[in-house]
């Protein structure tokens, strides 16, 4: 929804005063299928954000495992001494 929030699909204010230009803009948007492309781009961005979130969770998990191993090692060393 990044593109929808940016107002990409809205007609520019300049066109509001000129009906012919606004109709031409709408035809160009329809011809190049901008709405479908924007939806597809939003979908791909959503997948990318989900992937980055998953990757971040994985990195945090690896850090937690490393920290737990260090704590276990310290406890083992303390008990062994």
Protein backbone atom coordinates (compact mmCIF):
# COMPACT_ATOMS: atom_id res chain seq x y z
CA UNK A 1 0.00 0.00 0.00
CA UNK A 2 3.06 2.18 -0.22
CA UNK A 3 2.09 3.44 -3.67
CA UNK A 4 -1.54 4.02 -2.75
CA UNK A 5 -0.48 6.16 0.19
CA UNK A 6 1.89 8.15 -2.01
CA UNK A 7 -1.03 9.25 -4.20
CA UNK A 8 0.40 7.67 -7.33
CA UNK A 9 -3.03 6.83 -8.69
CA UNK A 10 -4.57 10.22 -7.99
CA UNK A 11 -4.82 12.75 -10.78
CA UNK A 12 -2.41 15.68 -10.29
CA UNK A 13 -4.00 18.93 -9.12
CA UNK A 14 -3.04 20.61 -12.40
CA UNK A 15 -5.51 18.37 -14.23
CA UNK A 16 -8.46 19.27 -12.02
CA UNK A 17 -8.88 22.55 -13.85
CA UNK A 18 -8.74 21.01 -17.33
CA UNK A 19 -11.33 18.33 -18.05
CA UNK A 20 -9.73 17.29 -21.35
CA UNK A 21 -6.32 16.83 -19.77
CA UNK A 22 -7.86 14.82 -16.93
CA UNK A 23 -9.64 12.52 -19.39
CA UNK A 24 -6.36 12.10 -21.28
CA UNK A 25 -4.58 11.28 -18.01
CA UNK A 26 -7.24 8.67 -17.18
CA UNK A 27 -6.83 7.12 -20.64
CA UNK A 28 -3.04 6.93 -20.22
CA UNK A 29 -3.46 5.32 -16.79
CA UNK A 30 -5.90 2.80 -18.27
CA UNK A 31 -3.72 2.15 -21.34
CA UNK A 32 -0.59 1.43 -19.35
CA UNK A 33 -2.61 -0.52 -16.75
CA UNK A 34 -1.11 1.54 -13.93
CA UNK A 35 -3.58 0.33 -11.31
CA UNK A 36 -2.79 -3.36 -11.90
CA UNK A 37 0.94 -2.66 -12.00
CA UNK A 38 0.73 -0.70 -8.78
CA UNK A 39 -1.16 -3.54 -7.10
CA UNK A 40 1.46 -6.02 -8.33
CA UNK A 41 4.27 -3.79 -7.07
CA UNK A 42 2.58 -3.49 -3.68
CA UNK A 43 2.23 -7.27 -3.53
CA UNK A 44 5.92 -7.76 -4.33
CA UNK A 45 6.89 -5.15 -1.75
CA UNK A 46 4.76 -6.95 0.79
CA UNK A 47 6.56 -10.23 0.05
CA UNK A 48 9.90 -8.47 0.36
CA UNK A 49 8.95 -6.94 3.71
CA UNK A 50 7.79 -10.33 4.98
CA UNK A 51 11.09 -11.87 3.87
CA UNK A 52 13.07 -9.14 5.63
CA UNK A 53 11.01 -9.60 8.78
CA UNK A 54 11.69 -13.36 8.70
CA UNK A 55 15.39 -12.76 8.12
CA UNK A 56 15.50 -10.34 11.05
CA UNK A 57 13.81 -12.89 13.30
CA UNK A 58 16.36 -15.49 12.23
CA UNK A 59 19.28 -13.19 13.05
CA UNK A 60 17.79 -12.38 16.47
CA UNK A 61 17.35 -16.10 17.13
CA UNK A 62 20.98 -16.80 16.23
CA UNK A 63 22.08 -14.05 18.62
CA UNK A 64 19.93 -15.55 21.40
CA UNK A 65 21.37 -19.02 20.84
CA UNK A 66 24.91 -17.64 20.96
CA UNK A 67 24.15 -15.77 24.17
CA UNK A 68 22.62 -18.85 25.79
CA UNK A 69 25.69 -20.92 24.87
CA UNK A 70 27.98 -18.32 26.42
CA UNK A 71 25.93 -18.35 29.62
CA UNK A 72 26.04 -22.17 29.75
CA UNK A 73 29.81 -22.09 29.20
CA UNK A 74 30.27 -19.52 31.99
CA UNK A 75 28.13 -21.58 34.40
CA UNK A 76 30.08 -24.73 33.46
CA UNK A 77 33.40 -22.96 34.04
CA UNK A 78 32.18 -21.59 37.36
CA UNK A 79 31.05 -25.00 38.58
CA UNK A 80 34.23 -26.66 37.38
CA UNK A 81 36.55 -24.29 39.20
